[in-house]
Amino acid sequence: MEKTKPAKNGVNRARLRIGLAITILGLVIYLLGADPGMFGLDRSPVTGFVQIAVFLVGLAIMCMGGYITLNALWNGTEKSIIADIGLRLVSTGYVIAVASGMADIFGFGQHQFPKIPYFGPWQAGGVMIGEAIIAIGFLMIIPYQSWIRKPLT
């Protein structure tokens, strides 16, 4: 298998494009679960288990694509401690989003089995907190030191 050559600025463009394509695919799946009416597929007035599962799978795919994209910006150089912590924050934020979104299914939500799962305001708040932590993690993974210009000497 032939390796792709990095561009002049050191970024592997093939990995960057693949990561962005995966991220966009995840966004489409996320939107399909979060608002199926956008695609003409809304059959229920409530957000049920299948919708919650679909948007959480979409969120996972977006996280993987975002990591691939940002990892391509590092171009094989050693990542900083902040970037490693950022990756762990992305993972932690996703776990928080899944635990909050699936609270009724896991048995610690307001509508426990045998009631129909309901995506309520507390669960929505938990998912948004998880997504905020994911965003903070991605901001920490960005290789800022490569963007800082060194002074001419």
N, C-alpha and C. Protein backbone atom coordinates (compact mmCIF):
# COMPACT_ATOMS: atom_id res chain seq x y z
N MET A 1 0.84 -1.18 0.00
CA MET A 1 0.00 0.00 0.00
C MET A 1 0.89 1.24 0.00
N GLU A 2 0.62 2.14 -0.91
CA GLU A 2 1.43 3.34 -1.06
C GLU A 2 0.93 4.43 -0.11
N LYS A 3 1.86 5.05 0.58
CA LYS A 3 1.49 6.13 1.49
C LYS A 3 1.25 7.41 0.71
N THR A 4 0.29 8.19 1.18
CA THR A 4 0.05 9.48 0.53
C THR A 4 1.07 10.49 1.05
N LYS A 5 1.50 11.34 0.17
CA LYS A 5 2.51 12.33 0.55
C LYS A 5 1.83 13.54 1.18
N PRO A 6 2.45 14.10 2.22
CA PRO A 6 1.87 15.30 2.82
C PRO A 6 2.02 16.49 1.88
N ALA A 7 1.15 17.44 2.05
CA ALA A 7 1.20 18.65 1.24
C ALA A 7 2.39 19.51 1.67
N LYS A 8 2.56 20.64 0.98
CA LYS A 8 3.69 21.52 1.29
C LYS A 8 3.66 22.01 2.73
N ASN A 9 2.47 22.24 3.28
CA ASN A 9 2.39 22.73 4.65
C ASN A 9 2.45 21.59 5.66
N GLY A 10 2.62 20.35 5.22
CA GLY A 10 2.80 19.23 6.13
C GLY A 10 1.52 18.50 6.47
N VAL A 11 0.38 18.88 5.92
CA VAL A 11 -0.88 18.24 6.24
C VAL A 11 -1.17 17.16 5.21
N ASN A 12 -1.53 15.99 5.66
CA ASN A 12 -1.91 14.89 4.78
C ASN A 12 -3.34 15.14 4.31
N ARG A 13 -3.48 15.60 3.09
CA ARG A 13 -4.79 16.02 2.58
C ARG A 13 -5.77 14.86 2.42
N ALA A 14 -5.28 13.67 2.11
CA ALA A 14 -6.19 12.53 1.96
C ALA A 14 -6.84 12.19 3.29
N ARG A 15 -6.04 12.14 4.35
CA ARG A 15 -6.61 11.87 5.68
C ARG A 15 -7.55 12.98 6.11
N LEU A 16 -7.22 14.19 5.77
CA LEU A 16 -8.07 15.33 6.11
C LEU A 16 -9.42 15.21 5.41
N ARG A 17 -9.41 14.87 4.13
CA ARG A 17 -10.67 14.74 3.38
C ARG A 17 -11.50 13.56 3.87
N ILE A 18 -10.85 12.45 4.17
CA ILE A 18 -11.58 11.28 4.68
C ILE A 18 -12.22 11.62 6.03
N GLY A 19 -11.48 12.28 6.89
CA GLY A 19 -12.02 12.68 8.19
C GLY A 19 -13.21 13.62 8.06
N LEU A 20 -13.10 14.58 7.15
CA LEU A 20 -14.22 15.51 6.94
C LEU A 20 -15.43 14.80 6.35
N ALA A 21 -15.20 13.85 5.45
CA ALA A 21 -16.32 13.09 4.86
C ALA A 21 -17.02 12.25 5.93
N ILE A 22 -16.25 11.63 6.81
CA ILE A 22 -16.85 10.86 7.90
C ILE A 22 -17.63 11.77 8.84
N THR A 23 -17.10 12.96 9.11
CA THR A 23 -17.79 13.91 9.97
C THR A 23 -19.12 14.34 9.36
N ILE A 24 -19.12 14.61 8.07
CA ILE A 24 -20.36 15.03 7.40
C ILE A 24 -21.38 13.88 7.38
N LEU A 25 -20.91 12.66 7.16
CA LEU A 25 -21.80 11.50 7.23
C LEU A 25 -22.41 11.38 8.62
N GLY A 26 -21.60 11.56 9.64
CA GLY A 26 -22.11 11.53 11.02
C GLY A 26 -23.13 12.62 11.27
N LEU A 27 -22.90 13.80 10.70
CA LEU A 27 -23.85 14.90 10.85
C LEU A 27 -25.20 14.56 10.23
N VAL A 28 -25.17 13.95 9.05
CA VAL A 28 -26.42 13.57 8.38
C VAL A 28 -27.17 12.52 9.22
N ILE A 29 -26.45 11.53 9.75
CA ILE A 29 -27.09 10.51 10.59
C ILE A 29 -27.61 11.14 11.88
N TYR A 30 -26.84 12.06 12.46
CA TYR A 30 -27.28 12.77 13.67
C TYR A 30 -28.57 13.55 13.39
N LEU A 31 -28.62 14.26 12.28
CA LEU A 31 -29.82 15.02 11.94
C LEU A 31 -31.00 14.10 11.66
N LEU A 32 -30.75 12.94 11.08
CA LEU A 32 -31.80 11.97 10.82
C LEU A 32 -32.44 11.51 12.13
N GLY A 33 -31.63 11.32 13.16
CA GLY A 33 -32.17 10.91 14.45
C GLY A 33 -32.78 12.07 15.22
N ALA A 34 -32.15 13.22 15.18
CA ALA A 34 -32.63 14.36 15.96
C ALA A 34 -33.89 14.97 15.38
N ASP A 35 -33.98 15.05 14.05
CA ASP A 35 -35.14 15.65 13.41
C ASP A 35 -35.48 14.89 12.13
N PRO A 36 -36.14 13.73 12.27
CA PRO A 36 -36.47 12.95 11.07
C PRO A 36 -37.46 13.66 10.15
N GLY A 37 -38.20 14.63 10.67
CA GLY A 37 -39.12 15.40 9.84
C GLY A 37 -38.40 16.16 8.74
N MET A 38 -37.13 16.48 8.95
CA MET A 38 -36.33 17.17 7.95
C MET A 38 -36.17 16.32 6.69
N PHE A 39 -36.24 14.99 6.88
CA PHE A 39 -36.10 14.06 5.76
C PHE A 39 -37.45 13.46 5.36
N GLY A 40 -38.54 13.95 5.95
CA GLY A 40 -39.87 13.43 5.65
C GLY A 40 -40.14 12.08 6.28
N LEU A 41 -39.48 11.76 7.39
CA LEU A 41 -39.62 10.45 8.02
C LEU A 41 -40.24 10.50 9.41
N ASP A 42 -40.78 11.64 9.82
CA ASP A 42 -41.32 11.78 11.17
C ASP A 42 -42.66 11.07 11.26
N ARG A 43 -42.74 10.07 12.15
CA ARG A 43 -43.97 9.31 12.30
C ARG A 43 -44.55 9.43 13.70
N SER A 44 -43.87 10.10 14.59
CA SER A 44 -44.32 10.16 15.98
C SER A 44 -44.05 11.55 16.54
N PRO A 45 -44.93 12.04 17.39
CA PRO A 45 -44.70 13.36 17.99
C PRO A 45 -43.63 13.36 19.09
N VAL A 46 -43.29 12.18 19.63
CA VAL A 46 -42.29 12.11 20.69
C VAL A 46 -40.98 11.59 20.13
N THR A 47 -39.91 11.83 20.85
CA THR A 47 -38.60 11.31 20.49
C THR A 47 -38.43 9.97 21.19
N GLY A 48 -38.44 8.88 20.44
CA GLY A 48 -38.38 7.54 21.01
C GLY A 48 -36.98 6.95 21.01
N PHE A 49 -36.95 5.67 21.36
CA PHE A 49 -35.68 4.96 21.50
C PHE A 49 -34.88 4.94 20.19
N VAL A 50 -35.55 4.67 19.08
CA VAL A 50 -34.84 4.55 17.80
C VAL A 50 -34.21 5.89 17.42
N GLN A 51 -34.95 6.98 17.60
CA GLN A 51 -34.40 8.30 17.28
C GLN A 51 -33.21 8.62 18.17
N ILE A 52 -33.32 8.32 19.45
CA ILE A 52 -32.22 8.59 20.37
C ILE A 52 -30.99 7.77 19.96
N ALA A 53 -31.21 6.49 19.67
CA ALA A 53 -30.09 5.63 19.26
C ALA A 53 -29.45 6.12 17.97
N VAL A 54 -30.26 6.56 17.01
CA VAL A 54 -29.71 7.03 15.73
C VAL A 54 -28.89 8.29 15.92
N PHE A 55 -29.40 9.27 16.70
CA PHE A 55 -28.59 10.49 16.83
C PHE A 55 -27.35 10.26 17.68
N LEU A 56 -27.37 9.28 18.59
CA LEU A 56 -26.16 8.97 19.34
C LEU A 56 -25.12 8.26 18.47
N VAL A 57 -25.58 7.41 17.54
CA VAL A 57 -24.66 6.79 16.59
C VAL A 57 -24.07 7.86 15.67
N GLY A 58 -24.90 8.80 15.22
CA GLY A 58 -24.41 9.91 14.40
C GLY A 58 -23.38 10.74 15.15
N LEU A 59 -23.62 10.97 16.44
CA LEU A 59 -22.67 11.73 17.25
C LEU A 59 -21.34 10.98 17.37
N ALA A 60 -21.41 9.65 17.51
CA ALA A 60 -20.18 8.85 17.58
C ALA A 60 -19.39 8.94 16.28
N ILE A 61 -20.10 8.88 15.15
CA ILE A 61 -19.42 8.97 13.85
C ILE A 61 -18.81 10.36 13.67
N MET A 62 -19.52 11.40 14.12
CA MET A 62 -18.94 12.76 14.04
C MET A 62 -17.69 12.87 14.90
N CYS A 63 -17.70 12.26 16.08
CA CYS A 63 -16.52 12.30 16.95
C CYS A 63 -15.34 11.58 16.30
N MET A 64 -15.60 10.42 15.67
CA MET A 64 -14.51 9.71 15.00
C MET A 64 -13.96 10.52 13.83
N GLY A 65 -14.85 11.09 13.02
CA GLY A 65 -14.40 11.89 11.89
C GLY A 65 -13.65 13.14 12.33
N GLY A 66 -14.12 13.78 13.39
CA GLY A 66 -13.41 14.95 13.92
C GLY A 66 -12.03 14.59 14.43
N TYR A 67 -11.92 13.44 15.09
CA TYR A 67 -10.61 13.03 15.58
C TYR A 67 -9.67 12.72 14.42
N ILE A 68 -10.16 12.02 13.40
CA ILE A 68 -9.32 11.72 12.23
C ILE A 68 -8.84 13.01 11.57
N THR A 69 -9.75 13.97 11.44
CA THR A 69 -9.41 15.25 10.80
C THR A 69 -8.36 16.00 11.61
N LEU A 70 -8.59 16.14 12.91
CA LEU A 70 -7.64 16.89 13.73
C LEU A 70 -6.32 16.14 13.89
N ASN A 71 -6.38 14.82 13.89
CA ASN A 71 -5.15 14.04 13.96
C ASN A 71 -4.31 14.24 12.70
N ALA A 72 -4.97 14.43 11.56
CA ALA A 72 -4.24 14.68 10.31
C ALA A 72 -3.49 16.00 10.38
N LEU A 73 -4.00 16.97 11.12
CA LEU A 73 -3.30 18.25 11.25
C LEU A 73 -2.00 18.13 12.03
N TRP A 74 -1.90 17.13 12.90
CA TRP A 74 -0.66 16.93 13.65
C TRP A 74 0.41 16.30 12.76
N ASN A 75 0.01 15.59 11.69
CA ASN A 75 0.92 15.03 10.68
C ASN A 75 2.05 14.20 11.27
N GLY A 76 1.71 13.32 12.19
CA GLY A 76 2.70 12.40 12.72
C GLY A 76 3.60 12.96 13.80
N THR A 77 3.52 14.25 14.09
CA THR A 77 4.34 14.79 15.18
C THR A 77 3.73 14.38 16.51
N GLU A 78 4.55 14.43 17.53
CA GLU A 78 4.09 14.03 18.86
C GLU A 78 3.07 15.04 19.38
N LYS A 79 1.96 14.52 19.88
CA LYS A 79 0.90 15.38 20.39
C LYS A 79 1.26 15.89 21.78
N SER A 80 0.73 17.05 22.09
CA SER A 80 0.99 17.64 23.40
C SER A 80 0.08 16.98 24.45
N ILE A 81 0.37 17.26 25.70
CA ILE A 81 -0.45 16.75 26.80
C ILE A 81 -1.86 17.30 26.69
N ILE A 82 -1.99 18.55 26.29
CA ILE A 82 -3.31 19.17 26.14
C ILE A 82 -4.12 18.42 25.08
N ALA A 83 -3.48 18.01 23.97
CA ALA A 83 -4.19 17.26 22.93
C ALA A 83 -4.64 15.90 23.44
N ASP A 84 -3.80 15.24 24.25
CA ASP A 84 -4.19 13.96 24.83
C ASP A 84 -5.37 14.12 25.78
N ILE A 85 -5.34 15.17 26.57
CA ILE A 85 -6.47 15.44 27.47
C ILE A 85 -7.72 15.75 26.66
N GLY A 86 -7.55 16.46 25.55
CA GLY A 86 -8.69 16.78 24.67
C GLY A 86 -9.33 15.52 24.12
N LEU A 87 -8.52 14.55 23.71
CA LEU A 87 -9.08 13.29 23.21
C LEU A 87 -9.89 12.59 24.30
N ARG A 88 -9.38 12.61 25.51
CA ARG A 88 -10.11 11.99 26.61
C ARG A 88 -11.39 12.76 26.94
N LEU A 89 -11.37 14.06 26.77
CA LEU A 89 -12.59 14.84 26.98
C LEU A 89 -13.64 14.53 25.91
N VAL A 90 -13.21 14.32 24.68
CA VAL A 90 -14.15 13.94 23.62
C VAL A 90 -14.81 12.62 23.99
N SER A 91 -14.02 11.66 24.43
CA SER A 91 -14.57 10.36 24.82
C SER A 91 -15.50 10.49 26.03
N THR A 92 -15.09 11.27 27.01
CA THR A 92 -15.91 11.46 28.20
C THR A 92 -17.22 12.16 27.87
N GLY A 93 -17.15 13.16 27.02
CA GLY A 93 -18.36 13.86 26.60
C GLY A 93 -19.33 12.94 25.89
N TYR A 94 -18.79 12.03 25.07
CA TYR A 94 -19.67 11.08 24.39
C TYR A 94 -20.32 10.12 25.39
N VAL A 95 -19.57 9.67 26.37
CA VAL A 95 -20.14 8.78 27.39
C VAL A 95 -21.25 9.51 28.16
N ILE A 96 -21.04 10.77 28.48
CA ILE A 96 -22.07 11.56 29.17
C ILE A 96 -23.31 11.69 28.29
N ALA A 97 -23.12 11.95 27.00
CA ALA A 97 -24.25 12.08 26.08
C ALA A 97 -25.03 10.77 25.98
N VAL A 98 -24.32 9.64 25.89
CA VAL A 98 -25.00 8.34 25.79
C VAL A 98 -25.73 8.02 27.09
N ALA A 99 -25.07 8.24 28.21
CA ALA A 99 -25.72 7.95 29.50
C ALA A 99 -26.95 8.83 29.70
N SER A 100 -26.88 10.08 29.28
CA SER A 100 -28.04 10.97 29.43
C SER A 100 -29.14 10.61 28.44
N GLY A 101 -28.78 10.35 27.20
CA GLY A 101 -29.77 10.05 26.18
C GLY A 101 -30.48 8.73 26.41
N MET A 102 -29.77 7.76 26.92
CA MET A 102 -30.34 6.43 27.14
C MET A 102 -30.72 6.19 28.61
N ALA A 103 -30.91 7.24 29.37
CA ALA A 103 -31.20 7.09 30.81
C ALA A 103 -32.43 6.23 31.06
N ASP A 104 -33.49 6.42 30.29
CA ASP A 104 -34.70 5.62 30.48
C ASP A 104 -34.45 4.15 30.15
N ILE A 105 -33.68 3.89 29.14
CA ILE A 105 -33.40 2.52 28.73
C ILE A 105 -32.49 1.84 29.75
N PHE A 106 -31.52 2.59 30.28
CA PHE A 106 -30.60 2.03 31.26
C PHE A 106 -31.24 1.86 32.64
N GLY A 107 -32.40 2.50 32.86
CA GLY A 107 -33.13 2.30 34.11
C GLY A 107 -32.95 3.37 35.16
N PHE A 108 -32.34 4.50 34.82
CA PHE A 108 -32.21 5.56 35.81
C PHE A 108 -32.83 6.88 35.35
N GLY A 109 -33.73 6.80 34.39
CA GLY A 109 -34.44 7.99 33.92
C GLY A 109 -35.80 8.11 34.60
N GLN A 110 -36.59 9.09 34.18
CA GLN A 110 -37.90 9.31 34.78
C GLN A 110 -38.92 8.31 34.28
N HIS A 111 -38.78 7.79 33.08
CA HIS A 111 -39.74 6.86 32.51
C HIS A 111 -39.09 5.48 32.39
N GLN A 112 -38.98 4.79 33.53
CA GLN A 112 -38.33 3.49 33.54
C GLN A 112 -39.25 2.43 32.94
N PHE A 113 -38.65 1.30 32.55
CA PHE A 113 -39.38 0.20 31.96
C PHE A 113 -40.49 -0.22 32.90
N PRO A 114 -41.66 -0.49 32.49
CA PRO A 114 -42.26 -0.76 31.20
C PRO A 114 -42.85 0.47 30.51
N LYS A 115 -42.65 1.67 31.05
CA LYS A 115 -43.16 2.86 30.38
C LYS A 115 -42.39 3.10 29.08
N ILE A 116 -43.00 3.83 28.17
CA ILE A 116 -42.37 4.17 26.90
C ILE A 116 -41.25 5.18 27.17
N PRO A 117 -40.03 4.93 26.64
CA PRO A 117 -38.93 5.89 26.83
C PRO A 117 -39.31 7.26 26.27
N TYR A 118 -38.93 8.30 26.99
CA TYR A 118 -39.26 9.67 26.61
C TYR A 118 -38.01 10.52 26.75
N PHE A 119 -37.68 11.24 25.70
CA PHE A 119 -36.51 12.12 25.72
C PHE A 119 -36.95 13.47 26.27
N GLY A 120 -36.80 13.65 27.57
CA GLY A 120 -37.28 14.85 28.23
C GLY A 120 -36.23 15.94 28.36
N PRO A 121 -36.60 17.01 29.06
CA PRO A 121 -35.68 18.15 29.19
C PRO A 121 -34.41 17.82 29.97
N TRP A 122 -34.50 16.95 30.97
CA TRP A 122 -33.29 16.60 31.72
C TRP A 122 -32.33 15.81 30.85
N GLN A 123 -32.87 14.91 30.05
CA GLN A 123 -32.02 14.14 29.16
C GLN A 123 -31.42 15.04 28.08
N ALA A 124 -32.21 15.95 27.54
CA ALA A 124 -31.69 16.87 26.53
C ALA A 124 -30.57 17.73 27.11
N GLY A 125 -30.75 18.18 28.35
CA GLY A 125 -29.70 18.97 29.00
C GLY A 125 -28.42 18.17 29.18
N GLY A 126 -28.56 16.90 29.57
CA GLY A 126 -27.38 16.04 29.73
C GLY A 126 -26.65 15.81 28.42
N VAL A 127 -27.42 15.61 27.34
CA VAL A 127 -26.80 15.42 26.02
C VAL A 127 -26.09 16.70 25.59
N MET A 128 -26.70 17.85 25.85
CA MET A 128 -26.05 19.12 25.47
C MET A 128 -24.78 19.36 26.28
N ILE A 129 -24.78 18.98 27.55
CA ILE A 129 -23.56 19.10 28.35
C ILE A 129 -22.47 18.19 27.79
N GLY A 130 -22.85 16.96 27.42
CA GLY A 130 -21.88 16.04 26.79
C GLY A 130 -21.33 16.60 25.49
N GLU A 131 -22.21 17.21 24.68
CA GLU A 131 -21.75 17.79 23.42
C GLU A 131 -20.82 18.99 23.66
N ALA A 132 -21.10 19.77 24.70
CA ALA A 132 -20.21 20.90 25.03
C ALA A 132 -18.84 20.39 25.45
N ILE A 133 -18.80 19.31 26.20
CA ILE A 133 -17.51 18.74 26.61
C ILE A 133 -16.76 18.19 25.40
N ILE A 134 -17.50 17.59 24.46
CA ILE A 134 -16.88 17.12 23.21
C ILE A 134 -16.26 18.31 22.45
N ALA A 135 -16.98 19.42 22.38
CA ALA A 135 -16.47 20.60 21.67
C ALA A 135 -15.22 21.14 22.34
N ILE A 136 -15.21 21.19 23.66
CA ILE A 136 -14.01 21.66 24.38
C ILE A 136 -12.84 20.72 24.10
N GLY A 137 -13.10 19.42 24.08
CA GLY A 137 -12.05 18.46 23.78
C GLY A 137 -11.47 18.65 22.39
N PHE A 138 -12.34 18.90 21.40
CA PHE A 138 -11.85 19.14 20.04
C PHE A 138 -11.02 20.42 19.97
N LEU A 139 -11.42 21.45 20.69
CA LEU A 139 -10.62 22.68 20.71
C LEU A 139 -9.24 22.44 21.30
N MET A 140 -9.15 21.50 22.23
CA MET A 140 -7.86 21.20 22.85
C MET A 140 -6.96 20.36 21.93
N ILE A 141 -7.55 19.64 20.97
CA ILE A 141 -6.76 18.79 20.07
C ILE A 141 -6.13 19.60 18.93
N ILE A 142 -6.66 20.75 18.61
CA ILE A 142 -6.14 21.56 17.50
C ILE A 142 -4.68 21.92 17.75
N PRO A 143 -3.78 21.69 16.77
CA PRO A 143 -2.36 22.00 16.95
C PRO A 143 -2.07 23.49 16.75
N TYR A 144 -2.32 24.28 17.75
CA TYR A 144 -2.15 25.73 17.65
C TYR A 144 -0.70 26.14 17.43
N GLN A 145 0.26 25.41 17.99
CA GLN A 145 1.67 25.82 17.88
C GLN A 145 2.17 25.81 16.45
N SER A 146 1.56 25.04 15.57
CA SER A 146 2.00 25.04 14.18
C SER A 146 1.49 26.26 13.42
N TRP A 147 0.52 26.98 13.97
CA TRP A 147 -0.03 28.16 13.32
C TRP A 147 0.68 29.44 13.74
N ILE A 148 1.43 29.39 14.81
CA ILE A 148 2.10 30.58 15.31
C ILE A 148 3.36 30.80 14.46
N ARG A 149 3.48 31.98 13.88
CA ARG A 149 4.63 32.28 13.04
C ARG A 149 5.81 32.66 13.92
N LYS A 150 6.96 32.18 13.53
CA LYS A 150 8.17 32.53 14.24
C LYS A 150 8.70 33.85 13.67
N PRO A 151 9.25 34.72 14.52
CA PRO A 151 9.75 36.00 14.03
C PRO A 151 10.99 35.80 13.12
N LEU A 152 11.10 36.66 12.14
CA LEU A 152 12.26 36.61 11.24
C LEU A 152 13.49 37.12 11.96
N THR A 153 14.59 36.36 11.86
CA THR A 153 15.84 36.80 12.50
C THR A 153 16.94 36.97 11.51
